[in-house]
Protein backbone atom coordinates (compact mmCIF):
# COMPACT_ATOMS: atom_id res chain seq x y z
CA MET A 1 40.46 13.55 3.26
CA ILE A 2 40.06 10.96 6.00
CA PRO A 3 38.77 7.62 4.67
CA ASN A 4 35.49 6.61 6.26
CA LEU A 5 34.54 2.97 5.84
CA MET A 6 30.88 2.88 6.78
CA LEU A 7 28.11 0.63 5.54
CA PRO A 8 24.75 1.94 4.33
CA ARG A 9 22.03 2.34 6.98
CA TYR A 10 19.98 -0.70 5.93
CA PHE A 11 22.85 -2.98 7.03
CA LYS A 12 21.87 -2.21 10.64
CA TRP A 13 18.55 -4.02 10.17
CA PHE A 14 20.10 -6.90 8.25
CA GLY A 15 22.71 -7.25 11.01
CA LEU A 16 20.01 -7.21 13.67
CA LEU A 17 18.21 -10.04 11.88
CA LEU A 18 21.46 -12.06 11.74
CA VAL A 19 22.11 -11.52 15.48
CA ILE A 20 18.56 -12.51 16.43
CA ALA A 21 18.68 -15.56 14.15
CA GLY A 22 22.10 -16.57 15.54
CA PHE A 23 21.03 -16.28 19.17
CA GLY A 24 17.70 -17.96 18.41
CA TYR A 25 19.37 -20.89 16.71
CA SER A 26 21.94 -21.18 19.50
CA ALA A 27 19.08 -21.53 22.02
CA VAL A 28 17.86 -24.72 20.32
CA TYR A 29 21.26 -26.00 19.13
CA ARG A 30 22.06 -29.28 20.90
CA HIS A 31 25.84 -29.32 20.55
CA SER A 32 28.57 -27.10 21.92
CA LEU A 33 29.23 -24.03 19.78
CA ASP A 34 32.95 -24.85 19.88
CA ASP A 35 32.55 -28.49 18.83
CA VAL A 36 34.44 -28.85 15.54
CA ALA A 37 32.58 -32.03 14.58
CA PHE A 38 29.40 -30.07 13.80
CA ILE A 39 29.28 -27.06 11.49
CA GLY A 40 26.23 -25.50 13.16
CA GLY A 41 28.33 -23.85 15.87
CA LEU A 42 30.50 -22.18 13.23
CA TRP A 43 27.41 -20.91 11.40
CA ILE A 44 25.94 -19.52 14.62
CA GLN A 45 29.15 -17.74 15.63
CA THR A 46 29.67 -16.39 12.12
CA ALA A 47 26.09 -15.08 11.90
CA ILE A 48 26.34 -13.32 15.27
CA LEU A 49 29.77 -11.82 14.51
CA ALA A 50 28.75 -10.68 11.02
CA GLY A 51 25.51 -9.20 12.38
CA LEU A 52 27.29 -7.29 15.14
CA LEU A 53 29.85 -5.98 12.66
CA MET A 54 27.06 -4.81 10.35
CA ILE A 55 25.29 -3.01 13.19
CA ALA A 56 28.52 -1.40 14.39
CA GLY A 57 29.59 -0.38 10.89
CA ALA A 58 26.29 1.01 9.63
CA LYS A 59 25.90 4.75 9.20
CA GLU A 60 23.54 6.78 11.30
CA LYS A 61 20.92 9.03 9.73
CA THR A 62 23.20 12.04 10.14
CA GLU A 63 26.83 10.97 10.21
CA ASP A 64 28.69 14.06 11.45
CA GLU A 65 31.80 14.81 13.51
CA MET A 66 29.95 14.39 16.81
CA ILE A 67 28.86 10.88 15.90
CA ARG A 68 32.40 10.03 14.78
CA HIS A 69 33.68 11.29 18.14
CA ILE A 70 31.07 9.19 19.97
CA ARG A 71 32.11 6.14 17.89
CA LEU A 72 35.75 6.69 18.80
CA THR A 73 35.17 7.14 22.52
CA SER A 74 32.80 4.15 22.60
CA LEU A 75 35.42 1.99 20.89
CA GLN A 76 38.14 3.14 23.29
CA TRP A 77 36.01 2.50 26.36
CA SER A 78 34.86 -0.90 25.10
CA VAL A 79 38.47 -2.00 24.58
CA PHE A 80 39.43 -0.78 28.07
CA LEU A 81 36.41 -2.49 29.65
CA MET A 82 37.11 -5.73 27.77
CA ILE A 83 40.71 -5.74 28.99
CA LEU A 84 39.62 -5.06 32.57
CA LEU A 85 36.97 -7.80 32.44
CA ARG A 86 39.45 -10.34 31.08
CA LEU A 87 42.06 -9.41 33.69
CA GLY A 88 39.44 -9.53 36.44
CA PHE A 89 38.21 -12.99 35.42
CA LYS A 90 41.77 -14.31 35.08
CA THR A 91 42.66 -12.92 38.53
CA VAL A 92 39.62 -14.55 40.13
CA ALA A 93 40.45 -17.83 38.35
CA PHE A 94 44.02 -17.65 39.65
CA LEU A 95 42.97 -16.82 43.21
CA THR A 96 40.27 -19.50 43.39
CA ARG A 97 42.20 -22.05 41.30
CA GLU A 98 38.94 -22.65 39.44
CA VAL A 99 39.10 -23.09 35.66
CA SER A 100 35.44 -22.13 35.22
CA TRP A 101 36.37 -18.50 35.99
CA LEU A 102 38.63 -18.24 32.95
CA PRO A 103 37.26 -15.64 30.53
CA HIS A 104 35.19 -16.91 27.65
CA ILE A 105 34.54 -13.40 26.40
CA GLN A 106 35.34 -13.22 22.71
CA ILE A 107 35.25 -10.50 20.10
CA ASN A 108 31.44 -10.66 20.19
CA GLY A 109 31.62 -9.34 23.74
CA LEU A 110 33.77 -6.43 22.63
CA LEU A 111 31.31 -5.55 19.87
CA MET A 112 28.34 -5.79 22.23
CA ILE A 113 30.03 -3.51 24.78
CA TYR A 114 30.85 -1.07 21.97
CA LEU A 115 27.26 -1.04 20.70
CA VAL A 116 25.82 -0.53 24.19
CA LEU A 117 28.18 2.38 24.89
CA PHE A 118 27.65 3.93 21.45
CA TYR A 119 23.86 3.87 21.54
CA TYR A 120 23.82 4.95 25.18
CA GLN A 121 25.88 8.04 24.35
CA LEU A 122 23.94 8.70 21.17
CA TYR A 123 20.37 8.37 22.44
CA VAL A 124 19.97 7.59 26.14
CA LYS A 125 22.40 10.04 27.74
CA ASP A 126 20.77 13.19 26.33
CA TYR A 127 17.30 11.83 27.03
CA LEU A 128 18.15 11.18 30.69
CA ALA A 129 19.71 14.63 30.99
CA SER A 130 16.57 16.25 29.58
CA ILE A 131 14.36 14.34 32.04
CA ASN A 132 16.42 15.36 35.06
CA LYS A 133 16.71 19.01 34.00
CA PRO A 134 14.59 21.29 36.21
CA HIS A 135 11.69 22.85 34.36
CA GLU A 136 11.70 26.61 34.00
CA ALA A 137 8.54 28.48 34.86
């Protein structure tokens, strides 16, 4: 038997609340999130990361082999895209000799890319295919 470490479905909503609260608090937070003199930045980053992990790790209503396959391909593509983005930003920073181009994409970016790809494949892709399918008379 293959071990399957998934959280119950209600963690998706709890994670969404943590992400919204983290981004909301970061909008009004006056200090840098990476400033070690203030603990608020750590709390914001921890809330967002924990929320994204809860959303990514929560079960779907029907957790079958197709959804596991979609999870795997979404994770693979998000890792590939994250690597390409980081290499692209580092290349532009090297070519322009501008430090501001250095990648600031962290693990949160990887999780967000994964979630976008996963939910796109799970819900949006089939919906768009059904819209564009010619109607039979």
